[in-house]
Amino acid sequence: MNIAITSSGISVVLIRKREHGSEVLLLKRSTSVLNGEWCYIGGGIEEGEKAWEAALREVEEETGVTALDLYVSNTFDQFYRPHQNDIYLAPVFVGFVKEDQQIELNHEHSDYRWLSFTEAKKRVCLPGNDAVLSFIEKHFINKTLIPFYVLLPRLRT
């Protein structure tokens, strides 16, 4: 018997560059799912929506942010769901915002923090989230970005 791979959601890691280094936005959940835990942005893909469209929508819904540079990260949140007997796979996007970006939380979150990558990796709750953040730090902070991965400018033209 095969195990299905399901991909019905997305994740987004928002980053702001500061004089002392880059920071990651983490949100404290206030709903029944992962209540009180710190996570990056995530959510479902709605009917007829592309993954990148869901990423932009979720960023705006959860943080109020509409001005960002969105990138495809080429990594995924992934885990096995025993009740569905499937592997859940969600593409992770990277969004860069301005240093002074204001955050307006919706009802899903009670608090937020801008943290260094080191602090964020210690605080995220789900196994594997730290590996996603390490991947993003390696490829989006410690290396020069390759234009191939930028998503929004190409979509707007």
C-alpha atoms as a PDB file:
ATOM      1  CA  MET A   1       0.000   0.000   0.000  1.00  0.00           C
ATOM      2  CA  ASN A   2       1.228   3.499  -0.812  1.00  0.00           C
ATOM      3  CA  ILE A   3       1.057   6.553   1.433  1.00  0.00           C
ATOM      4  CA  ALA A   4      -0.513   9.593  -0.235  1.00  0.00           C
ATOM      5  CA  ILE A   5       1.237  12.934  -0.346  1.00  0.00           C
ATOM      6  CA  THR A   6      -1.132  15.819   0.354  1.00  0.00           C
ATOM      7  CA  SER A   7      -0.278  19.433  -0.426  1.00  0.00           C
ATOM      8  CA  SER A   8      -3.126  21.730   0.548  1.00  0.00           C
ATOM      9  CA  GLY A   9      -1.322  24.484   2.435  1.00  0.00           C
ATOM     10  CA  ILE A  10       1.608  26.883   2.431  1.00  0.00           C
ATOM     11  CA  SER A  11       4.078  28.415   4.853  1.00  0.00           C
ATOM     12  CA  VAL A  12       5.752  31.818   4.730  1.00  0.00           C
ATOM     13  CA  VAL A  13       8.820  33.019   6.600  1.00  0.00           C
ATOM     14  CA  LEU A  14       8.907  36.820   6.816  1.00  0.00           C
ATOM     15  CA  ILE A  15      12.328  38.446   7.181  1.00  0.00           C
ATOM     16  CA  ARG A  16      13.451  41.993   7.817  1.00  0.00           C
ATOM     17  CA  LYS A  17      17.046  43.084   7.386  1.00  0.00           C
ATOM     18  CA  ARG A  18      18.453  45.276  10.136  1.00  0.00           C
ATOM     19  CA  GLU A  19      21.805  46.873  10.796  1.00  0.00           C
ATOM     20  CA  HIS A  20      22.740  44.090  13.243  1.00  0.00           C
ATOM     21  CA  GLY A  21      21.467  41.272  11.014  1.00  0.00           C
ATOM     22  CA  SER A  22      18.317  39.681   9.654  1.00  0.00           C
ATOM     23  CA  GLU A  23      15.299  38.874  11.796  1.00  0.00           C
ATOM     24  CA  VAL A  24      12.490  36.344  11.390  1.00  0.00           C
ATOM     25  CA  LEU A  25       8.882  37.039  12.348  1.00  0.00           C
ATOM     26  CA  LEU A  26       7.315  34.440  14.644  1.00  0.00           C
ATOM     27  CA  LEU A  27       3.670  34.510  15.703  1.00  0.00           C
ATOM     28  CA  LYS A  28       2.184  33.097  18.915  1.00  0.00           C
ATOM     29  CA  ARG A  29      -0.885  30.978  18.108  1.00  0.00           C
ATOM     30  CA  SER A  30      -4.135  31.698  19.989  1.00  0.00           C
ATOM     31  CA  THR A  31      -6.432  29.097  18.404  1.00  0.00           C
ATOM     32  CA  SER A  32      -7.101  25.489  19.370  1.00  0.00           C
ATOM     33  CA  VAL A  33      -4.436  24.274  16.947  1.00  0.00           C
ATOM     34  CA  LEU A  34      -0.989  24.816  18.513  1.00  0.00           C
ATOM     35  CA  ASN A  35      -2.411  27.263  21.078  1.00  0.00           C
ATOM     36  CA  GLY A  36       0.395  29.235  22.759  1.00  0.00           C
ATOM     37  CA  GLU A  37       3.061  27.950  20.369  1.00  0.00           C
ATOM     38  CA  TRP A  38       5.376  30.083  18.213  1.00  0.00           C
ATOM     39  CA  CYS A  39       5.242  29.526  14.449  1.00  0.00           C
ATOM     40  CA  TYR A  40       5.866  31.255  11.185  1.00  0.00           C
ATOM     41  CA  ILE A  41       2.921  32.054   8.896  1.00  0.00           C
ATOM     42  CA  GLY A  42       0.935  29.170   7.470  1.00  0.00           C
ATOM     43  CA  GLY A  43      -2.461  28.320   6.099  1.00  0.00           C
ATOM     44  CA  GLY A  44      -4.566  26.479   3.588  1.00  0.00           C
ATOM     45  CA  ILE A  45      -4.853  26.952  -0.150  1.00  0.00           C
ATOM     46  CA  GLU A  46      -8.402  27.899  -1.108  1.00  0.00           C
ATOM     47  CA  GLU A  47     -10.319  26.473  -4.059  1.00  0.00           C
ATOM     48  CA  GLY A  48      -8.955  27.852  -7.347  1.00  0.00           C
ATOM     49  CA  GLU A  49      -6.005  29.552  -5.633  1.00  0.00           C
ATOM     50  CA  LYS A  50      -2.353  29.067  -6.549  1.00  0.00           C
ATOM     51  CA  ALA A  51       0.116  28.399  -3.723  1.00  0.00           C
ATOM     52  CA  TRP A  52       1.803  31.802  -4.109  1.00  0.00           C
ATOM     53  CA  GLU A  53      -1.602  33.507  -3.999  1.00  0.00           C
ATOM     54  CA  ALA A  54      -2.384  31.672  -0.761  1.00  0.00           C
ATOM     55  CA  ALA A  55       0.981  32.813   0.615  1.00  0.00           C
ATOM     56  CA  LEU A  56       0.185  36.469  -0.088  1.00  0.00           C
ATOM     57  CA  ARG A  57      -3.339  36.120   1.306  1.00  0.00           C
ATOM     58  CA  GLU A  58      -2.163  34.408   4.505  1.00  0.00           C
ATOM     59  CA  VAL A  59       0.541  37.026   5.077  1.00  0.00           C
ATOM     60  CA  GLU A  60      -2.038  39.797   4.784  1.00  0.00           C
ATOM     61  CA  GLU A  61      -4.663  37.993   6.902  1.00  0.00           C
ATOM     62  CA  GLU A  62      -2.287  37.056   9.720  1.00  0.00           C
ATOM     63  CA  THR A  63      -0.065  40.170   9.822  1.00  0.00           C
ATOM     64  CA  GLY A  64      -1.665  42.945   7.752  1.00  0.00           C
ATOM     65  CA  VAL A  65       1.461  43.041   5.555  1.00  0.00           C
ATOM     66  CA  THR A  66       0.874  43.746   1.855  1.00  0.00           C
ATOM     67  CA  ALA A  67       4.259  45.191   0.823  1.00  0.00           C
ATOM     68  CA  LEU A  68       6.816  42.417   0.507  1.00  0.00           C
ATOM     69  CA  ASP A  69       9.174  40.736  -1.926  1.00  0.00           C
ATOM     70  CA  LEU A  70       8.076  37.105  -2.150  1.00  0.00           C
ATOM     71  CA  TYR A  71      10.446  34.268  -3.070  1.00  0.00           C
ATOM     72  CA  VAL A  72      10.108  30.551  -3.697  1.00  0.00           C
ATOM     73  CA  SER A  73      12.380  28.859  -1.154  1.00  0.00           C
ATOM     74  CA  ASN A  74      12.601  25.379  -2.705  1.00  0.00           C
ATOM     75  CA  THR A  75      12.014  23.771   0.696  1.00  0.00           C
ATOM     76  CA  PHE A  76       8.900  22.373   2.348  1.00  0.00           C
ATOM     77  CA  ASP A  77       7.202  21.845   5.684  1.00  0.00           C
ATOM     78  CA  GLN A  78       6.545  18.137   5.830  1.00  0.00           C
ATOM     79  CA  PHE A  79       5.214  15.642   8.329  1.00  0.00           C
ATOM     80  CA  TYR A  80       3.338  12.385   8.550  1.00  0.00           C
ATOM     81  CA  ARG A  81      -0.328  12.572   9.660  1.00  0.00           C
ATOM     82  CA  PRO A  82      -1.268   9.212  11.213  1.00  0.00           C
ATOM     83  CA  HIS A  83      -5.060   9.766  11.217  1.00  0.00           C
ATOM     84  CA  GLN A  84      -5.056  10.493   7.479  1.00  0.00           C
ATOM     85  CA  ASN A  85      -2.174   8.102   6.805  1.00  0.00           C
ATOM     86  CA  ASP A  86      -0.598  10.667   4.515  1.00  0.00           C
ATOM     87  CA  ILE A  87       2.443  12.882   4.246  1.00  0.00           C
ATOM     88  CA  TYR A  88       1.564  16.564   4.387  1.00  0.00           C
ATOM     89  CA  LEU A  89       3.819  18.722   2.232  1.00  0.00           C
ATOM     90  CA  ALA A  90       3.589  22.532   2.173  1.00  0.00           C
ATOM     91  CA  PRO A  91       5.808  24.777   0.035  1.00  0.00           C
ATOM     92  CA  VAL A  92       7.623  27.409   2.074  1.00  0.00           C
ATOM     93  CA  PHE A  93       7.864  30.943   0.696  1.00  0.00           C
ATOM     94  CA  VAL A  94      10.204  33.673   1.903  1.00  0.00           C
ATOM     95  CA  GLY A  95       9.012  37.249   2.202  1.00  0.00           C
ATOM     96  CA  PHE A  96      11.280  40.242   2.751  1.00  0.00           C
ATOM     97  CA  VAL A  97       9.709  43.322   4.334  1.00  0.00           C
ATOM     98  CA  LYS A  98      11.027  46.769   5.184  1.00  0.00           C
ATOM     99  CA  GLU A  99      12.796  47.252   8.497  1.00  0.00           C
ATOM    100  CA  ASP A 100       9.997  49.450   9.887  1.00  0.00           C
ATOM    101  CA  GLN A 101       7.140  47.171   8.752  1.00  0.00           C
ATOM    102  CA  GLN A 102       4.174  47.342  11.140  1.00  0.00           C
ATOM    103  CA  ILE A 103       2.438  44.090  12.134  1.00  0.00           C
ATOM    104  CA  GLU A 104      -1.323  43.867  12.788  1.00  0.00           C
ATOM    105  CA  LEU A 105      -2.270  40.448  14.135  1.00  0.00           C
ATOM    106  CA  ASN A 106      -5.599  38.786  13.436  1.00  0.00           C
ATOM    107  CA  HIS A 107      -7.572  36.565  15.852  1.00  0.00           C
ATOM    108  CA  GLU A 108      -5.307  33.557  15.153  1.00  0.00           C
ATOM    109  CA  HIS A 109      -2.386  35.072  17.081  1.00  0.00           C
ATOM    110  CA  SER A 110      -1.880  36.807  20.418  1.00  0.00           C
ATOM    111  CA  ASP A 111       1.685  38.096  20.051  1.00  0.00           C
ATOM    112  CA  TYR A 112       4.610  38.380  17.669  1.00  0.00           C
ATOM    113  CA  ARG A 113       8.376  38.702  17.861  1.00  0.00           C
ATOM    114  CA  TRP A 114      11.129  39.620  15.424  1.00  0.00           C
ATOM    115  CA  LEU A 115      13.969  37.243  16.326  1.00  0.00           C
ATOM    116  CA  SER A 116      17.424  36.386  15.067  1.00  0.00           C
ATOM    117  CA  PHE A 117      17.598  33.106  13.168  1.00  0.00           C
ATOM    118  CA  THR A 118      19.332  31.520  16.178  1.00  0.00           C
ATOM    119  CA  GLU A 119      16.560  32.612  18.561  1.00  0.00           C
ATOM    120  CA  ALA A 120      13.785  31.691  16.102  1.00  0.00           C
ATOM    121  CA  LYS A 121      15.168  28.159  15.607  1.00  0.00           C
ATOM    122  CA  LYS A 122      15.040  27.648  19.387  1.00  0.00           C
ATOM    123  CA  ARG A 123      11.486  28.971  19.695  1.00  0.00           C
ATOM    124  CA  VAL A 124       9.594  27.297  16.803  1.00  0.00           C
ATOM    125  CA  CYS A 125       7.417  24.480  18.008  1.00  0.00           C
ATOM    126  CA  LEU A 126       7.147  21.845  15.298  1.00  0.00           C
ATOM    127  CA  PRO A 127       9.944  19.377  14.588  1.00  0.00           C
ATOM    128  CA  GLY A 128      11.517  20.353  11.293  1.00  0.00           C
ATOM    129  CA  ASN A 129      10.699  24.081  11.533  1.00  0.00           C
ATOM    130  CA  ASP A 130      14.242  24.704  12.779  1.00  0.00           C
ATOM    131  CA  ALA A 131      15.619  22.892   9.713  1.00  0.00           C
ATOM    132  CA  VAL A 132      13.443  25.064   7.423  1.00  0.00           C
ATOM    133  CA  LEU A 133      14.802  28.199   9.113  1.00  0.00           C
ATOM    134  CA  SER A 134      18.387  26.911   8.781  1.00  0.00           C
ATOM    135  CA  PHE A 135      17.803  26.274   5.065  1.00  0.00           C
ATOM    136  CA  ILE A 136      16.396  29.773   4.560  1.00  0.00           C
ATOM    137  CA  GLU A 137      19.239  31.368   6.505  1.00  0.00           C
ATOM    138  CA  LYS A 138      21.782  29.485   4.400  1.00  0.00           C
ATOM    139  CA  HIS A 139      20.216  30.246   1.011  1.00  0.00           C
ATOM    140  CA  PHE A 140      18.550  33.639   1.518  1.00  0.00           C
ATOM    141  CA  ILE A 141      20.733  35.391   4.095  1.00  0.00           C
ATOM    142  CA  ASN A 142      24.232  33.934   3.801  1.00  0.00           C
ATOM    143  CA  LYS A 143      24.264  33.768  -0.023  1.00  0.00           C
ATOM    144  CA  THR A 144      23.516  36.204  -2.807  1.00  0.00           C
ATOM    145  CA  LEU A 145      19.938  35.722  -3.957  1.00  0.00           C
ATOM    146  CA  ILE A 146      19.479  34.259  -7.414  1.00  0.00           C
ATOM    147  CA  PRO A 147      16.848  36.205  -9.451  1.00  0.00           C
ATOM    148  CA  PHE A 148      15.287  32.882 -10.511  1.00  0.00           C
ATOM    149  CA  TYR A 149      13.660  32.506  -7.104  1.00  0.00           C
ATOM    150  CA  VAL A 150      12.032  35.937  -6.912  1.00  0.00           C
ATOM    151  CA  LEU A 151       8.336  35.462  -7.454  1.00  0.00           C
ATOM    152  CA  LEU A 152       6.419  38.710  -7.222  1.00  0.00           C
ATOM    153  CA  PRO A 153       8.205  40.942  -9.732  1.00  0.00           C
ATOM    154  CA  ARG A 154       7.744  38.329 -12.481  1.00  0.00           C
ATOM    155  CA  LEU A 155       4.086  37.834 -11.602  1.00  0.00           C
ATOM    156  CA  ARG A 156       3.340  41.541 -11.803  1.00  0.00           C
ATOM    157  CA  THR A 157       4.822  41.979 -15.286  1.00  0.00           C
END
